[in-house]
Amino acid sequence: MNASAAPDFQPRQLVELAKDLASEFPWLPQALAACEGGQWDSPAYLRFVFSEDSNQSGAEWQFLANVVLEHEHHGTVVVDVLKGNRIGGIELLDRIED
């Protein structure tokens, strides 16, 4: 699935929420504003870093935390924060199909 799978969502739509609700990650708003590309793994998940061998020595994906934001249009959004001030992916929980 490519980035056009959810054309109405752009990570920059989360910048103001991140400023207000994720003060423990002061770099996050700027990182969200700069996010481009990514790959839609499903209608609900936009990946920026592949999680293959996650958290293993030398792996690109080194998980740190989840930041949960409530967006007025997209609903509950979970940002996967990685070590090194990176965004691993963004999940739009309201788009998960049962």
PDB file of N, CA and C in Angstrom:
ATOM      1  N   MET A   1       0.853  -1.162   0.000  1.00  0.00           N
ATOM      2  CA  MET A   1       0.000   0.000   0.000  1.00  0.00           C
ATOM      3  C   MET A   1       0.905   1.233   0.000  1.00  0.00           C
ATOM      4  N   ASN A   2       0.588   2.246  -0.770  1.00  0.00           N
ATOM      5  CA  ASN A   2       1.452   3.418  -0.860  1.00  0.00           C
ATOM      6  C   ASN A   2       0.890   4.600  -0.084  1.00  0.00           C
ATOM      7  N   ALA A   3       1.633   5.705  -0.103  1.00  0.00           N
ATOM      8  CA  ALA A   3       1.250   6.882   0.675  1.00  0.00           C
ATOM      9  C   ALA A   3      -0.078   7.478   0.234  1.00  0.00           C
ATOM     10  N   SER A   4      -0.543   7.176  -0.957  1.00  0.00           N
ATOM     11  CA  SER A   4      -1.825   7.721  -1.400  1.00  0.00           C
ATOM     12  C   SER A   4      -3.011   6.966  -0.811  1.00  0.00           C
ATOM     13  N   ALA A   5      -2.752   5.934  -0.018  1.00  0.00           N
ATOM     14  CA  ALA A   5      -3.830   5.139   0.559  1.00  0.00           C
ATOM     15  C   ALA A   5      -4.718   5.960   1.490  1.00  0.00           C
ATOM     16  N   ALA A   6      -4.167   6.971   2.109  1.00  0.00           N
ATOM     17  CA  ALA A   6      -4.951   7.824   2.999  1.00  0.00           C
ATOM     18  C   ALA A   6      -4.595   9.274   2.717  1.00  0.00           C
ATOM     19  N   PRO A   7      -5.026   9.795   1.569  1.00  0.00           N
ATOM     20  CA  PRO A   7      -4.607  11.125   1.151  1.00  0.00           C
ATOM     21  C   PRO A   7      -5.072  12.247   2.076  1.00  0.00           C
ATOM     22  N   ASP A   8      -6.075  11.984   2.897  1.00  0.00           N
ATOM     23  CA  ASP A   8      -6.564  13.033   3.791  1.00  0.00           C
ATOM     24  C   ASP A   8      -5.753  13.149   5.071  1.00  0.00           C
ATOM     25  N   PHE A   9      -4.775  12.292   5.281  1.00  0.00           N
ATOM     26  CA  PHE A   9      -3.939  12.363   6.477  1.00  0.00           C
ATOM     27  C   PHE A   9      -2.512  12.764   6.119  1.00  0.00           C
ATOM     28  N   GLN A  10      -2.003  13.738   6.840  1.00  0.00           N
ATOM     29  CA  GLN A  10      -0.617  14.153   6.740  1.00  0.00           C
ATOM     30  C   GLN A  10      -0.090  14.303   8.166  1.00  0.00           C
ATOM     31  N   PRO A  11       1.090  13.805   8.473  1.00  0.00           N
ATOM     32  CA  PRO A  11       1.625  13.922   9.833  1.00  0.00           C
ATOM     33  C   PRO A  11       1.658  15.364  10.349  1.00  0.00           C
ATOM     34  N   ARG A  12       1.824  16.329   9.475  1.00  0.00           N
ATOM     35  CA  ARG A  12       1.880  17.724   9.925  1.00  0.00           C
ATOM     36  C   ARG A  12       0.567  18.162  10.577  1.00  0.00           C
ATOM     37  N   GLN A  13      -0.527  17.409  10.349  1.00  0.00           N
ATOM     38  CA  GLN A  13      -1.797  17.729  11.001  1.00  0.00           C
ATOM     39  C   GLN A  13      -1.744  17.495  12.508  1.00  0.00           C
ATOM     40  N   LEU A  14      -0.688  16.846  12.980  1.00  0.00           N
ATOM     41  CA  LEU A  14      -0.554  16.533  14.406  1.00  0.00           C
ATOM     42  C   LEU A  14       0.372  17.495  15.147  1.00  0.00           C
ATOM     43  N   VAL A  15       0.954  18.448  14.443  1.00  0.00           N
ATOM     44  CA  VAL A  15       1.979  19.325  15.032  1.00  0.00           C
ATOM     45  C   VAL A  15       1.457  20.060  16.264  1.00  0.00           C
ATOM     46  N   GLU A  16       0.323  20.729  16.153  1.00  0.00           N
ATOM     47  CA  GLU A  16      -0.187  21.510  17.284  1.00  0.00           C
ATOM     48  C   GLU A  16      -0.549  20.623  18.474  1.00  0.00           C
ATOM     49  N   LEU A  17      -1.119  19.463  18.202  1.00  0.00           N
ATOM     50  CA  LEU A  17      -1.436  18.526  19.287  1.00  0.00           C
ATOM     51  C   LEU A  17      -0.172  18.074  20.001  1.00  0.00           C
ATOM     52  N   ALA A  18       0.862  17.787  19.245  1.00  0.00           N
ATOM     53  CA  ALA A  18       2.122  17.342  19.840  1.00  0.00           C
ATOM     54  C   ALA A  18       2.731  18.447  20.702  1.00  0.00           C
ATOM     55  N   LYS A  19       2.615  19.694  20.266  1.00  0.00           N
ATOM     56  CA  LYS A  19       3.116  20.815  21.071  1.00  0.00           C
ATOM     57  C   LYS A  19       2.403  20.868  22.410  1.00  0.00           C
ATOM     58  N   ASP A  20       1.091  20.659  22.381  1.00  0.00           N
ATOM     59  CA  ASP A  20       0.268  20.779  23.584  1.00  0.00           C
ATOM     60  C   ASP A  20       0.329  19.547  24.486  1.00  0.00           C
ATOM     61  N   LEU A  21       0.418  18.355  23.888  1.00  0.00           N
ATOM     62  CA  LEU A  21       0.224  17.125  24.660  1.00  0.00           C
ATOM     63  C   LEU A  21       1.457  16.243  24.811  1.00  0.00           C
ATOM     64  N   ALA A  22       2.529  16.570  24.141  1.00  0.00           N
ATOM     65  CA  ALA A  22       3.711  15.702  24.212  1.00  0.00           C
ATOM     66  C   ALA A  22       4.954  16.520  24.548  1.00  0.00           C
ATOM     67  N   SER A  23       4.841  17.313  25.600  1.00  0.00           N
ATOM     68  CA  SER A  23       5.951  18.194  25.976  1.00  0.00           C
ATOM     69  C   SER A  23       7.208  17.429  26.366  1.00  0.00           C
ATOM     70  N   GLU A  24       7.066  16.169  26.713  1.00  0.00           N
ATOM     71  CA  GLU A  24       8.249  15.358  27.055  1.00  0.00           C
ATOM     72  C   GLU A  24       9.098  15.025  25.833  1.00  0.00           C
ATOM     73  N   PHE A  25       8.551  15.295  24.640  1.00  0.00           N
ATOM     74  CA  PHE A  25       9.276  15.093  23.382  1.00  0.00           C
ATOM     75  C   PHE A  25       9.286  16.426  22.620  1.00  0.00           C
ATOM     76  N   PRO A  26      10.095  17.388  23.052  1.00  0.00           N
ATOM     77  CA  PRO A  26      10.052  18.721  22.437  1.00  0.00           C
ATOM     78  C   PRO A  26      10.429  18.741  20.954  1.00  0.00           C
ATOM     79  N   TRP A  27      11.086  17.729  20.477  1.00  0.00           N
ATOM     80  CA  TRP A  27      11.479  17.620  19.067  1.00  0.00           C
ATOM     81  C   TRP A  27      10.353  17.106  18.178  1.00  0.00           C
ATOM     82  N   LEU A  28       9.318  16.522  18.780  1.00  0.00           N
ATOM     83  CA  LEU A  28       8.277  15.837  18.020  1.00  0.00           C
ATOM     84  C   LEU A  28       7.487  16.747  17.065  1.00  0.00           C
ATOM     85  N   PRO A  29       7.055  17.934  17.471  1.00  0.00           N
ATOM     86  CA  PRO A  29       6.313  18.768  16.509  1.00  0.00           C
ATOM     87  C   PRO A  29       7.099  19.057  15.232  1.00  0.00           C
ATOM     88  N   GLN A  30       8.359  19.368  15.371  1.00  0.00           N
ATOM     89  CA  GLN A  30       9.183  19.644  14.192  1.00  0.00           C
ATOM     90  C   GLN A  30       9.344  18.392  13.335  1.00  0.00           C
ATOM     91  N   ALA A  31       9.512  17.242  13.989  1.00  0.00           N
ATOM     92  CA  ALA A  31       9.651  15.981  13.246  1.00  0.00           C
ATOM     93  C   ALA A  31       8.366  15.661  12.486  1.00  0.00           C
ATOM     94  N   LEU A  32       7.218  15.891  13.093  1.00  0.00           N
ATOM     95  CA  LEU A  32       5.942  15.652  12.410  1.00  0.00           C
ATOM     96  C   LEU A  32       5.777  16.603  11.221  1.00  0.00           C
ATOM     97  N   ALA A  33       6.185  17.850  11.396  1.00  0.00           N
ATOM     98  CA  ALA A  33       6.086  18.827  10.312  1.00  0.00           C
ATOM     99  C   ALA A  33       6.958  18.442   9.129  1.00  0.00           C
ATOM    100  N   ALA A  34       8.069  17.751   9.416  1.00  0.00           N
ATOM    101  CA  ALA A  34       9.017  17.379   8.363  1.00  0.00           C
ATOM    102  C   ALA A  34       8.738  16.002   7.752  1.00  0.00           C
ATOM    103  N   CYS A  35       7.819  15.227   8.336  1.00  0.00           N
ATOM    104  CA  CYS A  35       7.540  13.869   7.835  1.00  0.00           C
ATOM    105  C   CYS A  35       6.999  13.916   6.413  1.00  0.00           C
ATOM    106  N   GLU A  36       7.640  13.187   5.551  1.00  0.00           N
ATOM    107  CA  GLU A  36       7.165  13.031   4.186  1.00  0.00           C
ATOM    108  C   GLU A  36       7.348  11.577   3.790  1.00  0.00           C
ATOM    109  N   GLY A  37       6.571  11.172   2.821  1.00  0.00           N
ATOM    110  CA  GLY A  37       6.703   9.801   2.346  1.00  0.00           C
ATOM    111  C   GLY A  37       6.098   8.822   3.324  1.00  0.00           C
ATOM    112  N   GLY A  38       6.837   7.813   3.634  1.00  0.00           N
ATOM    113  CA  GLY A  38       6.309   6.739   4.463  1.00  0.00           C
ATOM    114  C   GLY A  38       5.599   5.725   3.594  1.00  0.00           C
ATOM    115  N   GLN A  39       5.254   4.632   4.202  1.00  0.00           N
ATOM    116  CA  GLN A  39       4.548   3.572   3.488  1.00  0.00           C
ATOM    117  C   GLN A  39       3.352   3.129   4.311  1.00  0.00           C
ATOM    118  N   TRP A  40       2.198   3.108   3.676  1.00  0.00           N
ATOM    119  CA  TRP A  40       0.993   2.632   4.347  1.00  0.00           C
ATOM    120  C   TRP A  40       1.026   1.111   4.373  1.00  0.00           C
ATOM    121  N   ASP A  41       1.157   0.538   5.576  1.00  0.00           N
ATOM    122  CA  ASP A  41       1.117  -0.912   5.731  1.00  0.00           C
ATOM    123  C   ASP A  41      -0.322  -1.414   5.722  1.00  0.00           C
ATOM    124  N   SER A  42      -1.233  -0.544   6.080  1.00  0.00           N
ATOM    125  CA  SER A  42      -2.666  -0.835   6.106  1.00  0.00           C
ATOM    126  C   SER A  42      -3.370   0.522   6.019  1.00  0.00           C
ATOM    127  N   PRO A  43      -4.698   0.548   5.938  1.00  0.00           N
ATOM    128  CA  PRO A  43      -5.390   1.838   5.942  1.00  0.00           C
ATOM    129  C   PRO A  43      -5.189   2.618   7.245  1.00  0.00           C
ATOM    130  N   ALA A  44      -4.643   1.947   8.264  1.00  0.00           N
ATOM    131  CA  ALA A  44      -4.498   2.574   9.575  1.00  0.00           C
ATOM    132  C   ALA A  44      -3.062   2.875   9.978  1.00  0.00           C
ATOM    133  N   TYR A  45      -2.060   2.339   9.292  1.00  0.00           N
ATOM    134  CA  TYR A  45      -0.681   2.485   9.786  1.00  0.00           C
ATOM    135  C   TYR A  45       0.267   2.989   8.711  1.00  0.00           C
ATOM    136  N   LEU A  46       0.874   4.137   9.002  1.00  0.00           N
ATOM    137  CA  LEU A  46       1.865   4.753   8.128  1.00  0.00           C
ATOM    138  C   LEU A  46       3.244   4.533   8.743  1.00  0.00           C
ATOM    139  N   ARG A  47       4.085   3.779   8.054  1.00  0.00           N
ATOM    140  CA  ARG A  47       5.405   3.412   8.578  1.00  0.00           C
ATOM    141  C   ARG A  47       6.488   4.288   7.956  1.00  0.00           C
ATOM    142  N   PHE A  48       7.401   4.742   8.819  1.00  0.00           N
ATOM    143  CA  PHE A  48       8.563   5.506   8.368  1.00  0.00           C
ATOM    144  C   PHE A  48       9.858   4.722   8.548  1.00  0.00           C
ATOM    145  N   VAL A  49       9.875   3.812   9.516  1.00  0.00           N
ATOM    146  CA  VAL A  49      11.052   2.979   9.794  1.00  0.00           C
ATOM    147  C   VAL A  49      10.576   1.533   9.850  1.00  0.00           C
ATOM    148  N   PHE A  50      11.239   0.662   9.140  1.00  0.00           N
ATOM    149  CA  PHE A  50      10.848  -0.751   9.174  1.00  0.00           C
ATOM    150  C   PHE A  50      11.216  -1.368  10.514  1.00  0.00           C
ATOM    151  N   SER A  51      10.330  -2.176  11.040  1.00  0.00           N
ATOM    152  CA  SER A  51      10.500  -2.739  12.377  1.00  0.00           C
ATOM    153  C   SER A  51      11.120  -4.129  12.368  1.00  0.00           C
ATOM    154  N   GLU A  52      11.689  -4.503  11.248  1.00  0.00           N
ATOM    155  CA  GLU A  52      12.351  -5.803  11.169  1.00  0.00           C
ATOM    156  C   GLU A  52      13.447  -5.870  12.226  1.00  0.00           C
ATOM    157  N   ASP A  53      13.488  -6.973  12.967  1.00  0.00           N
ATOM    158  CA  ASP A  53      14.450  -7.166  14.060  1.00  0.00           C
ATOM    159  C   ASP A  53      14.361  -6.052  15.097  1.00  0.00           C
ATOM    160  N   SER A  54      13.154  -5.559  15.339  1.00  0.00           N
ATOM    161  CA  SER A  54      12.978  -4.432  16.252  1.00  0.00           C
ATOM    162  C   SER A  54      13.661  -4.664  17.594  1.00  0.00           C
ATOM    163  N   ASN A  55      14.266  -3.600  18.077  1.00  0.00           N
ATOM    164  CA  ASN A  55      14.944  -3.533  19.366  1.00  0.00           C
ATOM    165  C   ASN A  55      16.154  -4.456  19.500  1.00  0.00           C
ATOM    166  N   GLN A  56      16.551  -5.100  18.427  1.00  0.00           N
ATOM    167  CA  GLN A  56      17.765  -5.916  18.447  1.00  0.00           C
ATOM    168  C   GLN A  56      18.965  -5.017  18.177  1.00  0.00           C
ATOM    169  N   SER A  57      20.108  -5.428  18.628  1.00  0.00           N
ATOM    170  CA  SER A  57      21.321  -4.661  18.403  1.00  0.00           C
ATOM    171  C   SER A  57      21.508  -4.406  16.904  1.00  0.00           C
ATOM    172  N   GLY A  58      21.719  -3.166  16.548  1.00  0.00           N
ATOM    173  CA  GLY A  58      21.935  -2.801  15.154  1.00  0.00           C
ATOM    174  C   GLY A  58      20.676  -2.590  14.337  1.00  0.00           C
ATOM    175  N   ALA A  59      19.501  -2.897  14.904  1.00  0.00           N
ATOM    176  CA  ALA A  59      18.248  -2.714  14.164  1.00  0.00           C
ATOM    177  C   ALA A  59      17.916  -1.228  14.062  1.00  0.00           C
ATOM    178  N   GLU A  60      17.283  -0.854  12.960  1.00  0.00           N
ATOM    179  CA  GLU A  60      16.887   0.532  12.760  1.00  0.00           C
ATOM    180  C   GLU A  60      15.786   0.945  13.750  1.00  0.00           C
ATOM    181  N   TRP A  61      14.891   0.009  14.083  1.00  0.00           N
ATOM    182  CA  TRP A  61      13.758   0.278  14.970  1.00  0.00           C
ATOM    183  C   TRP A  61      14.176   0.011  16.413  1.00  0.00           C
ATOM    184  N   GLN A  62      14.351   1.089  17.171  1.00  0.00           N
ATOM    185  CA  GLN A  62      14.654   1.011  18.602  1.00  0.00           C
ATOM    186  C   GLN A  62      13.563   1.788  19.335  1.00  0.00           C
ATOM    187  N   PHE A  63      12.542   1.064  19.790  1.00  0.00           N
ATOM    188  CA  PHE A  63      11.338   1.663  20.371  1.00  0.00           C
ATOM    189  C   PHE A  63      11.641   2.368  21.687  1.00  0.00           C
ATOM    190  N   LEU A  64      11.014   3.545  21.867  1.00  0.00           N
ATOM    191  CA  LEU A  64      11.126   4.291  23.111  1.00  0.00           C
ATOM    192  C   LEU A  64       9.769   4.440  23.794  1.00  0.00           C
ATOM    193  N   ALA A  65       8.759   4.915  23.047  1.00  0.00           N
ATOM    194  CA  ALA A  65       7.452   5.187  23.659  1.00  0.00           C
ATOM    195  C   ALA A  65       6.381   5.371  22.588  1.00  0.00           C
ATOM    196  N   ASN A  66       5.129   5.320  23.047  1.00  0.00           N
ATOM    197  CA  ASN A  66       3.989   5.686  22.206  1.00  0.00           C
ATOM    198  C   ASN A  66       3.453   7.012  22.710  1.00  0.00           C
ATOM    199  N   VAL A  67       3.121   7.893  21.788  1.00  0.00           N
ATOM    200  CA  VAL A  67       2.465   9.149  22.126  1.00  0.00           C
ATOM    201  C   VAL A  67       1.054   9.059  21.555  1.00  0.00           C
ATOM    202  N   VAL A  68       0.063   9.182  22.421  1.00  0.00           N
ATOM    203  CA  VAL A  68      -1.338   9.089  22.011  1.00  0.00           C
ATOM    204  C   VAL A  68      -1.913  10.499  21.928  1.00  0.00           C
ATOM    205  N   LEU A  69      -2.459  10.816  20.771  1.00  0.00           N
ATOM    206  CA  LEU A  69      -3.048  12.125  20.521  1.00  0.00           C
ATOM    207  C   LEU A  69      -4.491  11.951  20.058  1.00  0.00           C
ATOM    208  N   GLU A  70      -5.344  12.863  20.448  1.00  0.00           N
ATOM    209  CA  GLU A  70      -6.742  12.839  20.005  1.00  0.00           C
ATOM    210  C   GLU A  70      -6.937  13.972  18.990  1.00  0.00           C
ATOM    211  N   HIS A  71      -7.153  13.589  17.746  1.00  0.00           N
ATOM    212  CA  HIS A  71      -7.315  14.556  16.664  1.00  0.00           C
ATOM    213  C   HIS A  71      -8.799  14.708  16.346  1.00  0.00           C
ATOM    214  N   GLU A  72      -9.235  15.931  16.096  1.00  0.00           N
ATOM    215  CA  GLU A  72     -10.663  16.176  15.874  1.00  0.00           C
ATOM    216  C   GLU A  72     -11.221  15.456  14.651  1.00  0.00           C
ATOM    217  N   HIS A  73     -10.413  15.237  13.636  1.00  0.00           N
ATOM    218  CA  HIS A  73     -10.883  14.565  12.424  1.00  0.00           C
ATOM    219  C   HIS A  73     -10.451  13.098  12.369  1.00  0.00           C
ATOM    220  N   HIS A  74      -9.230  12.805  12.754  1.00  0.00           N
ATOM    221  CA  HIS A  74      -8.678  11.459  12.612  1.00  0.00           C
ATOM    222  C   HIS A  74      -8.862  10.585  13.847  1.00  0.00           C
ATOM    223  N   GLY A  75      -9.388  11.123  14.912  1.00  0.00           N
ATOM    224  CA  GLY A  75      -9.634  10.341  16.121  1.00  0.00           C
ATOM    225  C   GLY A  75      -8.356  10.068  16.894  1.00  0.00           C
ATOM    226  N   THR A  76      -8.284   8.884  17.492  1.00  0.00           N
ATOM    227  CA  THR A  76      -7.127   8.515  18.296  1.00  0.00           C
ATOM    228  C   THR A  76      -5.971   8.141  17.381  1.00  0.00           C
ATOM    229  N   VAL A  77      -4.849   8.809  17.594  1.00  0.00           N
ATOM    230  CA  VAL A  77      -3.655   8.617  16.782  1.00  0.00           C
ATOM    231  C   VAL A  77      -2.512   8.237  17.708  1.00  0.00           C
ATOM    232  N   VAL A  78      -1.779   7.185  17.357  1.00  0.00           N
ATOM    233  CA  VAL A  78      -0.637   6.744  18.149  1.00  0.00           C
ATOM    234  C   VAL A  78       0.626   6.937  17.322  1.00  0.00           C
ATOM    235  N   VAL A  79       1.555   7.701  17.872  1.00  0.00           N
ATOM    236  CA  VAL A  79       2.841   7.940  17.214  1.00  0.00           C
ATOM    237  C   VAL A  79       3.876   7.054  17.890  1.00  0.00           C
ATOM    238  N   ASP A  80       4.536   6.208  17.102  1.00  0.00           N
ATOM    239  CA  ASP A  80       5.612   5.361  17.618  1.00  0.00           C
ATOM    240  C   ASP A  80       6.890   6.194  17.657  1.00  0.00           C
ATOM    241  N   VAL A  81       7.368   6.477  18.863  1.00  0.00           N
ATOM    242  CA  VAL A  81       8.583   7.257  19.054  1.00  0.00           C
ATOM    243  C   VAL A  81       9.743   6.287  19.254  1.00  0.00           C
ATOM    244  N   LEU A  82      10.795   6.510  18.490  1.00  0.00           N
ATOM    245  CA  LEU A  82      11.978   5.674  18.568  1.00  0.00           C
ATOM    246  C   LEU A  82      13.109   6.422  19.258  1.00  0.00           C
ATOM    247  N   LYS A  83      14.064   5.670  19.755  1.00  0.00           N
ATOM    248  CA  LYS A  83      15.260   6.281  20.327  1.00  0.00           C
ATOM    249  C   LYS A  83      15.951   7.106  19.249  1.00  0.00           C
ATOM    250  N   GLY A  84      16.637   8.150  19.654  1.00  0.00           N
ATOM    251  CA  GLY A  84      17.322   9.005  18.698  1.00  0.00           C
ATOM    252  C   GLY A  84      16.419  10.055  18.092  1.00  0.00           C
ATOM    253  N   ASN A  85      15.299  10.360  18.792  1.00  0.00           N
ATOM    254  CA  ASN A  85      14.373  11.405  18.324  1.00  0.00           C
ATOM    255  C   ASN A  85      13.871  11.139  16.914  1.00  0.00           C
ATOM    256  N   ARG A  86      13.281   9.957  16.744  1.00  0.00           N
ATOM    257  CA  ARG A  86      12.765   9.550  15.438  1.00  0.00           C
ATOM    258  C   ARG A  86      11.334   9.068  15.576  1.00  0.00           C
ATOM    259  N   ILE A  87      10.592   9.200  14.490  1.00  0.00           N
ATOM    260  CA  ILE A  87       9.233   8.666  14.413  1.00  0.00           C
ATOM    261  C   ILE A  87       9.293   7.383  13.607  1.00  0.00           C
ATOM    262  N   GLY A  88       8.824   6.288  14.209  1.00  0.00           N
ATOM    263  CA  GLY A  88       8.831   5.005  13.515  1.00  0.00           C
ATOM    264  C   GLY A  88       7.602   4.804  12.656  1.00  0.00           C
ATOM    265  N   GLY A  89       6.461   5.279  13.151  1.00  0.00           N
ATOM    266  CA  GLY A  89       5.219   5.124  12.422  1.00  0.00           C
ATOM    267  C   GLY A  89       4.093   5.838  13.135  1.00  0.00           C
ATOM    268  N   ILE A  90       2.975   5.940  12.449  1.00  0.00           N
ATOM    269  CA  ILE A  90       1.791   6.597  12.994  1.00  0.00           C
ATOM    270  C   ILE A  90       0.590   5.711  12.715  1.00  0.00           C
ATOM    271  N   GLU A  91      -0.166   5.412  13.766  1.00  0.00           N
ATOM    272  CA  GLU A  91      -1.343   4.561  13.623  1.00  0.00           C
ATOM    273  C   GLU A  91      -2.603   5.363  13.902  1.00  0.00           C
ATOM    274  N   LEU A  92      -3.552   5.271  12.988  1.00  0.00           N
ATOM    275  CA  LEU A  92      -4.857   5.916  13.121  1.00  0.00           C
ATOM    276  C   LEU A  92      -5.833   4.856  13.629  1.00  0.00           C
ATOM    277  N   LEU A  93      -6.024   4.806  14.944  1.00  0.00           N
ATOM    278  CA  LEU A  93      -6.793   3.715  15.545  1.00  0.00           C
ATOM    279  C   LEU A  93      -8.221   3.627  15.040  1.00  0.00           C
ATOM    280  N   ASP A  94      -8.832   4.752  14.706  1.00  0.00           N
ATOM    281  CA  ASP A  94     -10.217   4.717  14.232  1.00  0.00           C
ATOM    282  C   ASP A  94     -10.365   4.070  12.873  1.00  0.00           C
ATOM    283  N   ARG A  95      -9.249   3.835  12.184  1.00  0.00           N
ATOM    284  CA  ARG A  95      -9.295   3.185  10.864  1.00  0.00           C
ATOM    285  C   ARG A  95      -9.025   1.682  10.914  1.00  0.00           C
ATOM    286  N   ILE A  96      -8.777   1.166  12.096  1.00  0.00           N
ATOM    287  CA  ILE A  96      -8.526  -0.270  12.208  1.00  0.00           C
ATOM    288  C   ILE A  96      -9.837  -1.002  11.993  1.00  0.00           C
ATOM    289  N   GLU A  97      -9.802  -1.935  11.067  1.00  0.00           N
ATOM    290  CA  GLU A  97     -10.989  -2.724  10.772  1.00  0.00           C
ATOM    291  C   GLU A  97     -11.002  -3.975  11.633  1.00  0.00           C
ATOM    292  N   ASP A  98     -12.162  -4.343  12.124  1.00  0.00           N
ATOM    293  CA  ASP A  98     -12.282  -5.547  12.971  1.00  0.00           C
ATOM    294  C   ASP A  98     -12.113  -6.807  12.183  1.00  0.00           C
TER     295      ASP A  98
END
